[in-house]
Amino acid sequence: MLESKEQPSFGVKIIALWTVFLLGTLFHTQLALMPLFHGLSVLAPHGHVAIDMSIFDQVIA
């Protein structure tokens, strides 16, 4: 027969949850600040070019 596994205690679940949350926050912050680490402006777009939407007026009309 299959033996049932013990469930982790509430304290272990809370510690795991906080660990995942804090690590996720840390990595998310590091990614957001990456331009600063490379001497780039945070306000300037990096690799993304705005599209002039007026070119679509000819296609739609």
N, C-alpha and C. Protein backbone atom coordinates (compact mmCIF):
# COMPACT_ATOMS: atom_id res chain seq x y z
N MET A 1 0.83 -1.18 0.00
CA MET A 1 0.00 0.00 0.00
C MET A 1 0.88 1.25 0.00
N LEU A 2 0.28 2.33 -0.48
CA LEU A 2 0.99 3.60 -0.50
C LEU A 2 0.92 4.25 0.87
N GLU A 3 2.07 4.74 1.32
CA GLU A 3 2.11 5.42 2.60
C GLU A 3 1.86 6.91 2.37
N SER A 4 1.08 7.51 3.24
CA SER A 4 0.83 8.94 3.11
C SER A 4 2.04 9.70 3.66
N LYS A 5 2.41 10.75 2.93
CA LYS A 5 3.55 11.56 3.34
C LYS A 5 3.08 12.60 4.34
N GLU A 6 3.98 12.95 5.25
CA GLU A 6 3.65 13.99 6.22
C GLU A 6 3.64 15.34 5.54
N GLN A 7 2.68 16.16 5.91
CA GLN A 7 2.62 17.52 5.39
C GLN A 7 3.61 18.38 6.17
N PRO A 8 4.28 19.33 5.47
CA PRO A 8 5.19 20.22 6.20
C PRO A 8 4.40 21.09 7.18
N SER A 9 5.05 21.45 8.25
CA SER A 9 4.37 22.25 9.28
C SER A 9 4.08 23.65 8.75
N PHE A 10 3.20 24.34 9.45
CA PHE A 10 2.80 25.68 9.05
C PHE A 10 4.00 26.62 9.04
N GLY A 11 4.89 26.48 10.02
CA GLY A 11 6.09 27.33 10.09
C GLY A 11 6.99 27.15 8.88
N VAL A 12 7.16 25.92 8.45
CA VAL A 12 7.99 25.64 7.28
C VAL A 12 7.37 26.25 6.02
N LYS A 13 6.05 26.17 5.91
CA LYS A 13 5.37 26.76 4.76
C LYS A 13 5.54 28.28 4.73
N ILE A 14 5.42 28.92 5.88
CA ILE A 14 5.58 30.37 5.96
C ILE A 14 7.01 30.78 5.60
N ILE A 15 7.99 30.05 6.11
CA ILE A 15 9.39 30.36 5.79
C ILE A 15 9.65 30.19 4.30
N ALA A 16 9.13 29.14 3.71
CA ALA A 16 9.30 28.92 2.27
C ALA A 16 8.63 30.04 1.47
N LEU A 17 7.45 30.45 1.88
CA LEU A 17 6.73 31.51 1.19
C LEU A 17 7.50 32.83 1.25
N TRP A 18 8.00 33.19 2.42
CA TRP A 18 8.77 34.42 2.55
C TRP A 18 10.07 34.35 1.76
N THR A 19 10.70 33.21 1.74
CA THR A 19 11.95 33.05 0.99
C THR A 19 11.71 33.28 -0.50
N VAL A 20 10.67 32.66 -1.03
CA VAL A 20 10.35 32.83 -2.45
C VAL A 20 10.00 34.29 -2.74
N PHE A 21 9.22 34.91 -1.88
CA PHE A 21 8.84 36.31 -2.07
C PHE A 21 10.06 37.22 -2.06
N LEU A 22 10.93 37.05 -1.08
CA LEU A 22 12.10 37.93 -0.97
C LEU A 22 13.08 37.73 -2.13
N LEU A 23 13.29 36.49 -2.53
CA LEU A 23 14.18 36.24 -3.67
C LEU A 23 13.58 36.79 -4.96
N GLY A 24 12.28 36.63 -5.13
CA GLY A 24 11.62 37.19 -6.31
C GLY A 24 11.73 38.70 -6.35
N THR A 25 11.53 39.35 -5.21
CA THR A 25 11.66 40.80 -5.13
C THR A 25 13.09 41.23 -5.43
N LEU A 26 14.05 40.51 -4.91
CA LEU A 26 15.46 40.83 -5.15
C LEU A 26 15.79 40.75 -6.63
N PHE A 27 15.43 39.66 -7.29
CA PHE A 27 15.77 39.49 -8.69
C PHE A 27 15.00 40.48 -9.56
N HIS A 28 13.76 40.77 -9.23
CA HIS A 28 12.98 41.73 -9.99
C HIS A 28 13.61 43.12 -9.90
N THR A 29 14.06 43.50 -8.70
CA THR A 29 14.71 44.79 -8.50
C THR A 29 16.02 44.85 -9.26
N GLN A 30 16.79 43.77 -9.24
CA GLN A 30 18.06 43.75 -9.95
C GLN A 30 17.85 43.93 -11.45
N LEU A 31 16.82 43.30 -12.02
CA LEU A 31 16.54 43.45 -13.44
C LEU A 31 16.11 44.87 -13.76
N ALA A 32 15.33 45.48 -12.90
CA ALA A 32 14.85 46.84 -13.14
C ALA A 32 15.99 47.85 -13.07
N LEU A 33 17.00 47.58 -12.25
CA LEU A 33 18.12 48.50 -12.09
C LEU A 33 19.28 48.19 -13.03
N MET A 34 19.15 47.17 -13.86
CA MET A 34 20.25 46.76 -14.72
C MET A 34 20.79 47.89 -15.60
N PRO A 35 19.92 48.76 -16.20
CA PRO A 35 20.50 49.85 -17.00
C PRO A 35 21.45 50.73 -16.20
N LEU A 36 21.17 50.95 -14.92
CA LEU A 36 22.06 51.78 -14.11
C LEU A 36 23.42 51.14 -13.94
N PHE A 37 23.46 49.82 -13.86
CA PHE A 37 24.74 49.14 -13.67
C PHE A 37 25.61 49.20 -14.92
N HIS A 38 24.98 49.49 -16.07
CA HIS A 38 25.72 49.55 -17.32
C HIS A 38 25.86 50.98 -17.83
N GLY A 39 25.58 51.95 -16.97
CA GLY A 39 25.76 53.35 -17.33
C GLY A 39 24.73 53.88 -18.30
N LEU A 40 23.56 53.25 -18.40
CA LEU A 40 22.51 53.70 -19.31
C LEU A 40 21.45 54.46 -18.54
N SER A 41 20.73 55.32 -19.23
CA SER A 41 19.65 56.06 -18.61
C SER A 41 18.44 55.15 -18.41
N VAL A 42 17.82 55.25 -17.27
CA VAL A 42 16.64 54.43 -17.01
C VAL A 42 15.45 54.93 -17.81
N LEU A 43 15.42 56.24 -18.09
CA LEU A 43 14.29 56.83 -18.80
C LEU A 43 14.33 56.58 -20.30
N ALA A 44 15.50 56.34 -20.85
CA ALA A 44 15.62 56.15 -22.30
C ALA A 44 15.25 54.72 -22.66
N PRO A 45 14.57 54.53 -23.81
CA PRO A 45 14.27 53.17 -24.25
C PRO A 45 15.55 52.46 -24.71
N HIS A 46 15.64 51.20 -24.41
CA HIS A 46 16.83 50.43 -24.77
C HIS A 46 16.41 49.29 -25.69
N GLY A 47 16.66 49.47 -26.97
CA GLY A 47 16.35 48.41 -27.92
C GLY A 47 14.92 48.42 -28.41
N HIS A 48 14.12 49.34 -27.93
CA HIS A 48 12.73 49.42 -28.37
C HIS A 48 12.56 50.72 -29.15
N VAL A 49 12.02 50.62 -30.32
CA VAL A 49 11.82 51.80 -31.16
C VAL A 49 10.32 52.05 -31.28
N ALA A 50 9.93 53.29 -31.08
CA ALA A 50 8.52 53.65 -31.21
C ALA A 50 8.13 53.60 -32.69
N ILE A 51 6.95 53.13 -32.97
CA ILE A 51 6.46 53.02 -34.34
C ILE A 51 5.60 54.24 -34.65
N ASP A 52 5.83 54.82 -35.82
CA ASP A 52 5.01 55.92 -36.28
C ASP A 52 3.69 55.34 -36.78
N MET A 53 2.61 55.59 -36.05
CA MET A 53 1.32 54.99 -36.37
C MET A 53 0.68 55.60 -37.62
N SER A 54 1.20 56.73 -38.09
CA SER A 54 0.60 57.36 -39.27
C SER A 54 0.79 56.51 -40.53
N ILE A 55 1.74 55.60 -40.53
CA ILE A 55 1.94 54.75 -41.72
C ILE A 55 0.78 53.79 -41.89
N PHE A 56 0.04 53.51 -40.83
CA PHE A 56 -1.09 52.58 -40.92
C PHE A 56 -2.35 53.25 -41.47
N ASP A 57 -2.36 54.59 -41.47
CA ASP A 57 -3.53 55.28 -42.03
C ASP A 57 -3.73 54.95 -43.49
N GLN A 58 -2.64 54.79 -44.23
CA GLN A 58 -2.74 54.47 -45.66
C GLN A 58 -3.29 53.06 -45.86
N VAL A 59 -2.94 52.15 -44.98
CA VAL A 59 -3.38 50.76 -45.11
C VAL A 59 -4.85 50.63 -44.75
N ILE A 60 -5.28 51.32 -43.72
CA ILE A 60 -6.65 51.21 -43.24
C ILE A 60 -7.62 51.93 -44.17
N ALA A 61 -7.21 53.09 -44.70
CA ALA A 61 -8.12 53.90 -45.55
C ALA A 61 -8.38 53.30 -46.89
